[in-house]
Amino acid sequence: MDPRRLLTFRAVVRAGSISAGARELGWTQPAVSQQLAGLEREARTPLLVRGPTGVVPTEAGAALLRHADAVDAALRSAREELDELAGLGRGTVRMAAFPSAGAVVVPAVAARLAERAPGVQLRMEEAEPPEAAALVRSNAVHLALAFRYPGQGAEPDLTWRPLGADPVRIVLPAAHPRVDGLAALRDESWVAGCERCRANLVSACETAGFTPDVRHVTDDYVAVQALVARGVAVSVLPEMALRAAAVAGVRADPDPALAPRTVGVLHRPGVERVPAVAAVLAVLGSMTDLQR
């Protein structure tokens, strides 16, 4: 299978149409169509469904796209590694991070990186773990800071490096009476966060013997605390979110029954061989306390 045709196919699918893919590649549309036709002959099956608004991959095309992404990632890694070894100074690492890690972990990583490897530039964009994993797969980023709660699934096609535990706290109005675990809050209204955090809250409450009355849903940990401070709900939040932004009028109580989430970094296998990426991973690995 011709790798050039494979990467042309990837560009077209990612761009959404043959004309957009041609513009991205700097080719003519007939030249791109010729490459796609050749690839479909090699594959012996249709790979694209063409319509008035663009193209979408067939089932076979979607399977091939995953391999095309892997080829693109390998070529990018090879180019970046060679550039580093040749002394061209192209040490840019793209990282995705969930919001509280972007506020707590990434600034610390950037500061340490400036001291240890000043030639490496770190660029971050915010993304929750499922979106961050997709960004890694599409080669939009090299690394993704993500988290997992106990029992939540892994990404078998990506490398996962655990960095540390992030304790989960019960978040209450400051004047709320002390409680002995979640079971004492069964009659309260609740505010829940992202899909993974909400699933963890529901699971923990069900283990405590009740189903929480979730009245509010928001990914914004500042909004969660503001609702709690006003006395309209209670919640649970990871310590990292509480450190990222503390809102007056709330307190965070520990509960041994609340399992911590694990914070880690996702990447494609092999990308750690790129020197700039290895420098960032080394800094992340040296952070024994993720909260600082």
C-alpha atoms as a PDB file:
ATOM      1  CA  MET A   1       0.000   0.000   0.000  1.00  0.00           C
ATOM      2  CA  ASP A   2       1.471   3.337  -1.093  1.00  0.00           C
ATOM      3  CA  PRO A   3       2.030   5.464   2.057  1.00  0.00           C
ATOM      4  CA  ARG A   4       1.634   8.670   0.045  1.00  0.00           C
ATOM      5  CA  ARG A   5      -1.844   7.597  -1.006  1.00  0.00           C
ATOM      6  CA  LEU A   6      -2.589   6.649   2.598  1.00  0.00           C
ATOM      7  CA  LEU A   7      -1.609  10.099   3.880  1.00  0.00           C
ATOM      8  CA  THR A   8      -3.570  11.758   1.068  1.00  0.00           C
ATOM      9  CA  PHE A   9      -6.621   9.761   2.143  1.00  0.00           C
ATOM     10  CA  ARG A  10      -6.055  10.869   5.758  1.00  0.00           C
ATOM     11  CA  ALA A  11      -5.826  14.528   4.751  1.00  0.00           C
ATOM     12  CA  VAL A  12      -9.087  14.323   2.799  1.00  0.00           C
ATOM     13  CA  VAL A  13     -10.999  12.612   5.607  1.00  0.00           C
ATOM     14  CA  ARG A  14      -9.688  15.031   8.227  1.00  0.00           C
ATOM     15  CA  ALA A  15     -10.482  18.032   6.000  1.00  0.00           C
ATOM     16  CA  GLY A  16     -13.969  16.717   5.210  1.00  0.00           C
ATOM     17  CA  SER A  17     -13.859  16.965   1.427  1.00  0.00           C
ATOM     18  CA  ILE A  18     -11.606  16.275  -1.540  1.00  0.00           C
ATOM     19  CA  SER A  19     -11.345  19.974  -2.398  1.00  0.00           C
ATOM     20  CA  ALA A  20     -10.430  20.939   1.186  1.00  0.00           C
ATOM     21  CA  GLY A  21      -7.889  18.120   1.342  1.00  0.00           C
ATOM     22  CA  ALA A  22      -6.375  19.264  -1.926  1.00  0.00           C
ATOM     23  CA  ARG A  23      -5.999  22.816  -0.591  1.00  0.00           C
ATOM     24  CA  GLU A  24      -4.349  21.521   2.572  1.00  0.00           C
ATOM     25  CA  LEU A  25      -1.921  19.397   0.558  1.00  0.00           C
ATOM     26  CA  GLY A  26      -1.291  22.088  -2.053  1.00  0.00           C
ATOM     27  CA  TRP A  27      -2.365  19.767  -4.853  1.00  0.00           C
ATOM     28  CA  THR A  28      -4.992  19.980  -7.583  1.00  0.00           C
ATOM     29  CA  GLN A  29      -8.304  18.249  -6.948  1.00  0.00           C
ATOM     30  CA  PRO A  30      -7.854  15.820  -9.903  1.00  0.00           C
ATOM     31  CA  ALA A  31      -4.446  14.795  -8.526  1.00  0.00           C
ATOM     32  CA  VAL A  32      -5.978  14.021  -5.128  1.00  0.00           C
ATOM     33  CA  SER A  33      -8.867  12.103  -6.727  1.00  0.00           C
ATOM     34  CA  GLN A  34      -6.323  10.042  -8.665  1.00  0.00           C
ATOM     35  CA  GLN A  35      -4.465   9.166  -5.457  1.00  0.00           C
ATOM     36  CA  LEU A  36      -7.726   8.130  -3.764  1.00  0.00           C
ATOM     37  CA  ALA A  37      -8.747   5.979  -6.719  1.00  0.00           C
ATOM     38  CA  GLY A  38      -5.386   4.230  -6.603  1.00  0.00           C
ATOM     39  CA  LEU A  39      -5.736   3.585  -2.877  1.00  0.00           C
ATOM     40  CA  GLU A  40      -9.211   2.100  -3.315  1.00  0.00           C
ATOM     41  CA  ARG A  41      -7.821  -0.215  -6.003  1.00  0.00           C
ATOM     42  CA  GLU A  42      -5.109  -1.323  -3.580  1.00  0.00           C
ATOM     43  CA  ALA A  43      -7.662  -1.809  -0.808  1.00  0.00           C
ATOM     44  CA  ARG A  44     -10.074  -3.613  -3.150  1.00  0.00           C
ATOM     45  CA  THR A  45     -13.034  -1.921  -1.464  1.00  0.00           C
ATOM     46  CA  PRO A  46     -14.622   1.558  -1.359  1.00  0.00           C
ATOM     47  CA  LEU A  47     -13.085   3.773   1.306  1.00  0.00           C
ATOM     48  CA  LEU A  48     -15.128   6.974   0.954  1.00  0.00           C
ATOM     49  CA  VAL A  49     -18.763   7.893   0.466  1.00  0.00           C
ATOM     50  CA  ARG A  50     -18.933  11.062  -1.618  1.00  0.00           C
ATOM     51  CA  GLY A  51     -21.820  13.498  -1.179  1.00  0.00           C
ATOM     52  CA  PRO A  52     -22.760  17.094  -1.960  1.00  0.00           C
ATOM     53  CA  THR A  53     -21.369  18.319   1.379  1.00  0.00           C
ATOM     54  CA  GLY A  54     -18.132  16.331   1.390  1.00  0.00           C
ATOM     55  CA  VAL A  55     -16.897  12.822   2.124  1.00  0.00           C
ATOM     56  CA  VAL A  56     -17.233  10.359   4.989  1.00  0.00           C
ATOM     57  CA  PRO A  57     -15.247   7.134   5.382  1.00  0.00           C
ATOM     58  CA  THR A  58     -16.885   3.762   4.899  1.00  0.00           C
ATOM     59  CA  GLU A  59     -16.406   1.129   7.603  1.00  0.00           C
ATOM     60  CA  ALA A  60     -13.272  -0.006   5.794  1.00  0.00           C
ATOM     61  CA  GLY A  61     -12.184   3.613   5.424  1.00  0.00           C
ATOM     62  CA  ALA A  62     -12.599   4.253   9.154  1.00  0.00           C
ATOM     63  CA  ALA A  63     -10.438   1.215   9.914  1.00  0.00           C
ATOM     64  CA  LEU A  64      -7.794   2.383   7.439  1.00  0.00           C
ATOM     65  CA  LEU A  65      -7.878   5.898   8.903  1.00  0.00           C
ATOM     66  CA  ARG A  66      -6.639   4.568  12.247  1.00  0.00           C
ATOM     67  CA  HIS A  67      -3.610   3.085  10.486  1.00  0.00           C
ATOM     68  CA  ALA A  68      -3.123   6.306   8.517  1.00  0.00           C
ATOM     69  CA  ASP A  69      -3.042   8.246  11.803  1.00  0.00           C
ATOM     70  CA  ALA A  70      -0.403   5.836  13.124  1.00  0.00           C
ATOM     71  CA  VAL A  71       1.718   6.291   9.989  1.00  0.00           C
ATOM     72  CA  ASP A  72       1.406  10.065  10.251  1.00  0.00           C
ATOM     73  CA  ALA A  73       2.404   9.951  13.935  1.00  0.00           C
ATOM     74  CA  ALA A  74       5.440   7.789  13.195  1.00  0.00           C
ATOM     75  CA  LEU A  75       6.603  10.101  10.410  1.00  0.00           C
ATOM     76  CA  ARG A  76       6.119  13.185  12.589  1.00  0.00           C
ATOM     77  CA  SER A  77       8.070  11.572  15.425  1.00  0.00           C
ATOM     78  CA  ALA A  78      10.854  10.601  13.042  1.00  0.00           C
ATOM     79  CA  ARG A  79      11.045  14.140  11.615  1.00  0.00           C
ATOM     80  CA  GLU A  80      11.056  15.759  15.060  1.00  0.00           C
ATOM     81  CA  GLU A  81      13.646  13.341  16.430  1.00  0.00           C
ATOM     82  CA  LEU A  82      15.927  13.908  13.447  1.00  0.00           C
ATOM     83  CA  ASP A  83      15.493  17.676  13.720  1.00  0.00           C
ATOM     84  CA  GLU A  84      16.476  17.518  17.385  1.00  0.00           C
ATOM     85  CA  LEU A  85      19.508  15.366  16.660  1.00  0.00           C
ATOM     86  CA  ALA A  86      20.493  17.697  13.839  1.00  0.00           C
ATOM     87  CA  GLY A  87      20.403  20.616  16.234  1.00  0.00           C
ATOM     88  CA  LEU A  88      17.609  22.484  14.469  1.00  0.00           C
ATOM     89  CA  GLY A  89      16.031  23.477  17.806  1.00  0.00           C
ATOM     90  CA  ARG A  90      12.492  22.445  16.913  1.00  0.00           C
ATOM     91  CA  GLY A  91      11.590  21.404  20.432  1.00  0.00           C
ATOM     92  CA  THR A  92       7.857  22.142  20.561  1.00  0.00           C
ATOM     93  CA  VAL A  93       5.633  19.775  22.537  1.00  0.00           C
ATOM     94  CA  ARG A  94       1.847  20.035  22.237  1.00  0.00           C
ATOM     95  CA  MET A  95      -0.117  18.930  25.294  1.00  0.00           C
ATOM     96  CA  ALA A  96      -3.817  18.631  26.104  1.00  0.00           C
ATOM     97  CA  ALA A  97      -4.906  18.945  29.736  1.00  0.00           C
ATOM     98  CA  PHE A  98      -8.169  18.790  31.649  1.00  0.00           C
ATOM     99  CA  PRO A  99      -9.082  22.151  33.255  1.00  0.00           C
ATOM    100  CA  SER A 100      -7.788  21.714  36.797  1.00  0.00           C
ATOM    101  CA  ALA A 101      -4.542  20.134  35.555  1.00  0.00           C
ATOM    102  CA  GLY A 102      -4.189  23.089  33.198  1.00  0.00           C
ATOM    103  CA  ALA A 103      -4.416  25.379  36.221  1.00  0.00           C
ATOM    104  CA  VAL A 104      -2.257  23.382  38.650  1.00  0.00           C
ATOM    105  CA  VAL A 105       0.066  20.950  36.855  1.00  0.00           C
ATOM    106  CA  VAL A 106       0.871  22.599  33.523  1.00  0.00           C
ATOM    107  CA  PRO A 107       2.213  25.888  35.011  1.00  0.00           C
ATOM    108  CA  ALA A 108       4.554  23.890  37.264  1.00  0.00           C
ATOM    109  CA  VAL A 109       5.703  21.761  34.316  1.00  0.00           C
ATOM    110  CA  ALA A 110       6.315  24.831  32.155  1.00  0.00           C
ATOM    111  CA  ALA A 111       8.350  26.508  34.915  1.00  0.00           C
ATOM    112  CA  ARG A 112      10.525  23.459  35.535  1.00  0.00           C
ATOM    113  CA  LEU A 113      10.941  22.883  31.812  1.00  0.00           C
ATOM    114  CA  ALA A 114      12.222  26.449  31.405  1.00  0.00           C
ATOM    115  CA  GLU A 115      14.938  25.640  33.959  1.00  0.00           C
ATOM    116  CA  ARG A 116      15.896  22.150  32.776  1.00  0.00           C
ATOM    117  CA  ALA A 117      15.339  22.323  29.006  1.00  0.00           C
ATOM    118  CA  PRO A 118      14.992  25.960  27.921  1.00  0.00           C
ATOM    119  CA  GLY A 119      15.035  24.993  24.248  1.00  0.00           C
ATOM    120  CA  VAL A 120      11.773  23.067  24.582  1.00  0.00           C
ATOM    121  CA  GLN A 121       8.522  24.968  24.116  1.00  0.00           C
ATOM    122  CA  LEU A 122       5.335  23.649  25.706  1.00  0.00           C
ATOM    123  CA  ARG A 123       1.966  24.459  24.128  1.00  0.00           C
ATOM    124  CA  MET A 124      -1.245  23.513  25.920  1.00  0.00           C
ATOM    125  CA  GLU A 125      -4.897  23.276  24.973  1.00  0.00           C
ATOM    126  CA  GLU A 126      -7.745  22.383  27.316  1.00  0.00           C
ATOM    127  CA  ALA A 127      -9.639  19.118  26.833  1.00  0.00           C
ATOM    128  CA  GLU A 128     -11.451  16.621  29.040  1.00  0.00           C
ATOM    129  CA  PRO A 129      -9.959  13.080  28.965  1.00  0.00           C
ATOM    130  CA  PRO A 130     -12.097  11.575  26.149  1.00  0.00           C
ATOM    131  CA  GLU A 131     -11.439  14.576  23.882  1.00  0.00           C
ATOM    132  CA  ALA A 132      -7.772  14.635  24.904  1.00  0.00           C
ATOM    133  CA  ALA A 133      -7.349  10.968  23.942  1.00  0.00           C
ATOM    134  CA  ALA A 134      -8.894  11.747  20.542  1.00  0.00           C
ATOM    135  CA  LEU A 135      -6.418  14.603  20.087  1.00  0.00           C
ATOM    136  CA  VAL A 136      -3.544  12.204  20.779  1.00  0.00           C
ATOM    137  CA  ARG A 137      -4.905   9.672  18.292  1.00  0.00           C
ATOM    138  CA  SER A 138      -5.240  12.318  15.570  1.00  0.00           C
ATOM    139  CA  ASN A 139      -1.681  13.581  16.263  1.00  0.00           C
ATOM    140  CA  ALA A 140      -2.982  17.044  17.168  1.00  0.00           C
ATOM    141  CA  VAL A 141      -1.040  16.783  20.449  1.00  0.00           C
ATOM    142  CA  HIS A 142       1.920  14.730  21.636  1.00  0.00           C
ATOM    143  CA  LEU A 143       0.741  14.267  25.223  1.00  0.00           C
ATOM    144  CA  ALA A 144      -2.510  14.468  27.165  1.00  0.00           C
ATOM    145  CA  LEU A 145      -2.946  14.902  30.898  1.00  0.00           C
ATOM    146  CA  ALA A 146      -5.967  12.834  31.863  1.00  0.00           C
ATOM    147  CA  PHE A 147      -7.559  11.157  34.867  1.00  0.00           C
ATOM    148  CA  ARG A 148      -9.282   7.905  35.695  1.00  0.00           C
ATOM    149  CA  TYR A 149     -11.577   6.947  38.524  1.00  0.00           C
ATOM    150  CA  PRO A 150     -11.546   3.351  39.807  1.00  0.00           C
ATOM    151  CA  GLY A 151     -13.298   1.016  37.399  1.00  0.00           C
ATOM    152  CA  GLN A 152     -13.184   3.392  34.440  1.00  0.00           C
ATOM    153  CA  GLY A 153     -11.833   1.951  31.201  1.00  0.00           C
ATOM    154  CA  ALA A 154      -8.409   2.369  29.651  1.00  0.00           C
ATOM    155  CA  GLU A 155      -7.320   3.366  26.139  1.00  0.00           C
ATOM    156  CA  PRO A 156      -5.682   0.138  24.896  1.00  0.00           C
ATOM    157  CA  ASP A 157      -4.130   1.758  21.830  1.00  0.00           C
ATOM    158  CA  LEU A 158      -2.349   4.477  23.845  1.00  0.00           C
ATOM    159  CA  THR A 159       0.390   4.430  26.477  1.00  0.00           C
ATOM    160  CA  TRP A 160      -0.803   5.439  29.971  1.00  0.00           C
ATOM    161  CA  ARG A 161       1.710   6.698  32.550  1.00  0.00           C
ATOM    162  CA  PRO A 162       0.228   7.222  36.035  1.00  0.00           C
ATOM    163  CA  LEU A 163       1.598  10.310  37.751  1.00  0.00           C
ATOM    164  CA  GLY A 164      -0.161  10.259  41.113  1.00  0.00           C
ATOM    165  CA  ALA A 165      -3.374  10.178  43.117  1.00  0.00           C
ATOM    166  CA  ASP A 166      -5.777  13.115  43.403  1.00  0.00           C
ATOM    167  CA  PRO A 167      -7.937  12.742  46.551  1.00  0.00           C
ATOM    168  CA  VAL A 168     -11.685  13.433  46.282  1.00  0.00           C
ATOM    169  CA  ARG A 169     -13.381  15.577  48.964  1.00  0.00           C
ATOM    170  CA  ILE A 170     -16.954  16.200  50.078  1.00  0.00           C
ATOM    171  CA  VAL A 171     -17.726  19.870  49.345  1.00  0.00           C
ATOM    172  CA  LEU A 172     -20.191  21.535  51.737  1.00  0.00           C
ATOM    173  CA  PRO A 173     -21.290  25.044  52.684  1.00  0.00           C
ATOM    174  CA  ALA A 174     -18.909  26.387  55.320  1.00  0.00           C
ATOM    175  CA  ALA A 175     -21.657  26.440  57.984  1.00  0.00           C
ATOM    176  CA  HIS A 176     -22.961  22.937  57.206  1.00  0.00           C
ATOM    177  CA  PRO A 177     -22.877  20.553  60.167  1.00  0.00           C
ATOM    178  CA  ARG A 178     -20.159  17.927  60.174  1.00  0.00           C
ATOM    179  CA  VAL A 179     -21.166  14.728  58.449  1.00  0.00           C
ATOM    180  CA  ASP A 180     -20.015  11.151  58.786  1.00  0.00           C
ATOM    181  CA  GLY A 181     -19.614  10.232  55.132  1.00  0.00           C
ATOM    182  CA  LEU A 182     -21.851  10.438  52.088  1.00  0.00           C
ATOM    183  CA  ALA A 183     -24.735   8.496  53.620  1.00  0.00           C
ATOM    184  CA  ALA A 184     -25.509  11.475  55.863  1.00  0.00           C
ATOM    185  CA  LEU A 185     -26.153  13.560  52.721  1.00  0.00           C
ATOM    186  CA  ARG A 186     -28.785  11.331  51.109  1.00  0.00           C
ATOM    187  CA  ASP A 187     -31.493  14.016  51.427  1.00  0.00           C
ATOM    188  CA  GLU A 188     -29.398  16.825  49.934  1.00  0.00           C
ATOM    189  CA  SER A 189     -29.505  18.251  46.418  1.00  0.00           C
ATOM    190  CA  TRP A 190     -26.305  17.678  44.456  1.00  0.00           C
ATOM    191  CA  VAL A 191     -24.244  19.397  41.766  1.00  0.00           C
ATOM    192  CA  ALA A 192     -22.186  17.092  39.537  1.00  0.00           C
ATOM    193  CA  GLY A 193     -19.349  17.678  37.093  1.00  0.00           C
ATOM    194  CA  CYS A 194     -18.125  16.092  33.864  1.00  0.00           C
ATOM    195  CA  GLU A 195     -19.432  12.723  32.704  1.00  0.00           C
ATOM    196  CA  ARG A 196     -16.637  10.745  34.371  1.00  0.00           C
ATOM    197  CA  CYS A 197     -16.884  12.721  37.611  1.00  0.00           C
ATOM    198  CA  ARG A 198     -20.676  12.383  37.630  1.00  0.00           C
ATOM    199  CA  ALA A 199     -20.408   8.613  37.136  1.00  0.00           C
ATOM    200  CA  ASN A 200     -17.980   8.410  40.054  1.00  0.00           C
ATOM    201  CA  LEU A 201     -20.311  10.471  42.282  1.00  0.00           C
ATOM    202  CA  VAL A 202     -23.320   8.279  41.477  1.00  0.00           C
ATOM    203  CA  SER A 203     -21.272   5.110  42.061  1.00  0.00           C
ATOM    204  CA  ALA A 204     -19.958   6.350  45.422  1.00  0.00           C
ATOM    205  CA  CYS A 205     -23.442   7.392  46.588  1.00  0.00           C
ATOM    206  CA  GLU A 206     -24.967   4.077  45.511  1.00  0.00           C
ATOM    207  CA  THR A 207     -22.263   2.279  47.488  1.00  0.00           C
ATOM    208  CA  ALA A 208     -23.334   4.437  50.462  1.00  0.00           C
ATOM    209  CA  GLY A 209     -26.917   3.245  49.954  1.00  0.00           C
ATOM    210  CA  PHE A 210     -28.686   5.972  47.986  1.00  0.00           C
ATOM    211  CA  THR A 211     -29.016   7.603  44.583  1.00  0.00           C
ATOM    212  CA  PRO A 212     -28.058  11.304  44.619  1.00  0.00           C
ATOM    213  CA  ASP A 213     -30.622  13.918  43.588  1.00  0.00           C
ATOM    214  CA  VAL A 214     -28.461  15.682  40.974  1.00  0.00           C
ATOM    215  CA  ARG A 215     -30.098  19.074  40.398  1.00  0.00           C
ATOM    216  CA  HIS A 216     -27.209  20.830  38.636  1.00  0.00           C
ATOM    217  CA  VAL A 217     -24.554  19.661  36.155  1.00  0.00           C
ATOM    218  CA  THR A 218     -21.497  21.751  35.236  1.00  0.00           C
ATOM    219  CA  ASP A 219     -17.874  21.096  34.271  1.00  0.00           C
ATOM    220  CA  ASP A 220     -16.867  24.399  35.888  1.00  0.00           C
ATOM    221  CA  TYR A 221     -15.432  23.665  39.335  1.00  0.00           C
ATOM    222  CA  VAL A 222     -15.806  27.346  40.284  1.00  0.00           C
ATOM    223  CA  ALA A 223     -19.535  27.153  39.496  1.00  0.00           C
ATOM    224  CA  VAL A 224     -19.791  23.945  41.548  1.00  0.00           C
ATOM    225  CA  GLN A 225     -18.322  25.692  44.588  1.00  0.00           C
ATOM    226  CA  ALA A 226     -20.469  28.789  44.050  1.00  0.00           C
ATOM    227  CA  LEU A 227     -23.635  26.672  44.101  1.00  0.00           C
ATOM    228  CA  VAL A 228     -22.443  24.936  47.265  1.00  0.00           C
ATOM    229  CA  ALA A 229     -21.505  28.250  48.921  1.00  0.00           C
ATOM    230  CA  ARG A 230     -25.063  29.501  48.349  1.00  0.00           C
ATOM    231  CA  GLY A 231     -26.414  26.460  50.136  1.00  0.00           C
ATOM    232  CA  VAL A 232     -28.415  25.120  47.173  1.00  0.00           C
ATOM    233  CA  ALA A 233     -26.431  21.891  46.754  1.00  0.00           C
ATOM    234  CA  VAL A 234     -23.536  19.786  47.975  1.00  0.00           C
ATOM    235  CA  SER A 235     -20.925  18.041  45.859  1.00  0.00           C
ATOM    236  CA  VAL A 236     -17.655  16.147  45.681  1.00  0.00           C
ATOM    237  CA  LEU A 237     -14.554  17.546  43.987  1.00  0.00           C
ATOM    238  CA  PRO A 238     -10.974  16.366  43.516  1.00  0.00           C
ATOM    239  CA  GLU A 239      -8.409  18.236  45.551  1.00  0.00           C
ATOM    240  CA  MET A 240      -6.738  19.514  42.375  1.00  0.00           C
ATOM    241  CA  ALA A 241      -9.931  21.350  41.391  1.00  0.00           C
ATOM    242  CA  LEU A 242     -10.196  22.854  44.866  1.00  0.00           C
ATOM    243  CA  ARG A 243      -6.612  24.084  44.668  1.00  0.00           C
ATOM    244  CA  ALA A 244      -7.078  25.484  41.192  1.00  0.00           C
ATOM    245  CA  ALA A 245      -9.724  27.927  42.442  1.00  0.00           C
ATOM    246  CA  ALA A 246     -10.956  28.248  46.025  1.00  0.00           C
ATOM    247  CA  VAL A 247     -14.366  29.884  46.511  1.00  0.00           C
ATOM    248  CA  ALA A 248     -15.214  31.521  49.831  1.00  0.00           C
ATOM    249  CA  GLY A 249     -18.037  29.981  51.805  1.00  0.00           C
ATOM    250  CA  VAL A 250     -17.277  26.303  51.225  1.00  0.00           C
ATOM    251  CA  ARG A 251     -15.271  23.668  53.000  1.00  0.00           C
ATOM    252  CA  ALA A 252     -13.895  20.345  51.797  1.00  0.00           C
ATOM    253  CA  ASP A 253     -14.094  17.335  54.113  1.00  0.00           C
ATOM    254  CA  PRO A 254     -12.251  14.052  53.576  1.00  0.00           C
ATOM    255  CA  ASP A 255     -14.138  10.762  53.406  1.00  0.00           C
ATOM    256  CA  PRO A 256     -12.122   7.503  53.451  1.00  0.00           C
ATOM    257  CA  ALA A 257     -14.850   5.872  51.376  1.00  0.00           C
ATOM    258  CA  LEU A 258     -14.167   8.224  48.449  1.00  0.00           C
ATOM    259  CA  ALA A 259     -11.475   6.649  46.282  1.00  0.00           C
ATOM    260  CA  PRO A 260      -9.018   9.098  44.699  1.00  0.00           C
ATOM    261  CA  ARG A 261      -8.778   9.523  40.962  1.00  0.00           C
ATOM    262  CA  THR A 262      -5.491   8.730  39.226  1.00  0.00           C
ATOM    263  CA  VAL A 263      -3.878  11.484  37.172  1.00  0.00           C
ATOM    264  CA  GLY A 264      -1.635  10.389  34.333  1.00  0.00           C
ATOM    265  CA  VAL A 265      -0.351  11.189  30.857  1.00  0.00           C
ATOM    266  CA  LEU A 266      -1.472   9.561  27.595  1.00  0.00           C
ATOM    267  CA  HIS A 267       0.609   9.334  24.429  1.00  0.00           C
ATOM    268  CA  ARG A 268       1.123   7.247  21.324  1.00  0.00           C
ATOM    269  CA  PRO A 269       3.652   4.421  21.721  1.00  0.00           C
ATOM    270  CA  GLY A 270       7.040   5.567  20.469  1.00  0.00           C
ATOM    271  CA  VAL A 271       6.566   9.323  20.795  1.00  0.00           C
ATOM    272  CA  GLU A 272       8.658   9.229  23.985  1.00  0.00           C
ATOM    273  CA  ARG A 273      11.725   8.762  21.770  1.00  0.00           C
ATOM    274  CA  VAL A 274      11.424  12.349  20.550  1.00  0.00           C
ATOM    275  CA  PRO A 275      13.887  14.275  22.775  1.00  0.00           C
ATOM    276  CA  ALA A 276      11.584  17.246  23.434  1.00  0.00           C
ATOM    277  CA  VAL A 277       8.715  14.940  24.439  1.00  0.00           C
ATOM    278  CA  ALA A 278      11.092  12.918  26.628  1.00  0.00           C
ATOM    279  CA  ALA A 279      12.101  16.145  28.388  1.00  0.00           C
ATOM    280  CA  VAL A 280       8.466  16.939  29.238  1.00  0.00           C
ATOM    281  CA  LEU A 281       7.806  13.373  30.389  1.00  0.00           C
ATOM    282  CA  ALA A 282      10.905  13.544  32.614  1.00  0.00           C
ATOM    283  CA  VAL A 283       9.604  16.715  34.255  1.00  0.00           C
ATOM    284  CA  LEU A 284       6.180  15.141  34.775  1.00  0.00           C
ATOM    285  CA  GLY A 285       7.781  12.022  36.246  1.00  0.00           C
ATOM    286  CA  SER A 286       9.807  14.097  38.713  1.00  0.00           C
ATOM    287  CA  MET A 287       6.706  15.778  40.162  1.00  0.00           C
ATOM    288  CA  THR A 288       6.123  13.698  43.277  1.00  0.00           C
ATOM    289  CA  ASP A 289       3.418  16.133  44.410  1.00  0.00           C
ATOM    290  CA  LEU A 290       1.015  16.977  41.608  1.00  0.00           C
ATOM    291  CA  GLN A 291      -0.551  19.733  43.670  1.00  0.00           C
ATOM    292  CA  ARG A 292       2.561  21.951  43.549  1.00  0.00           C
END
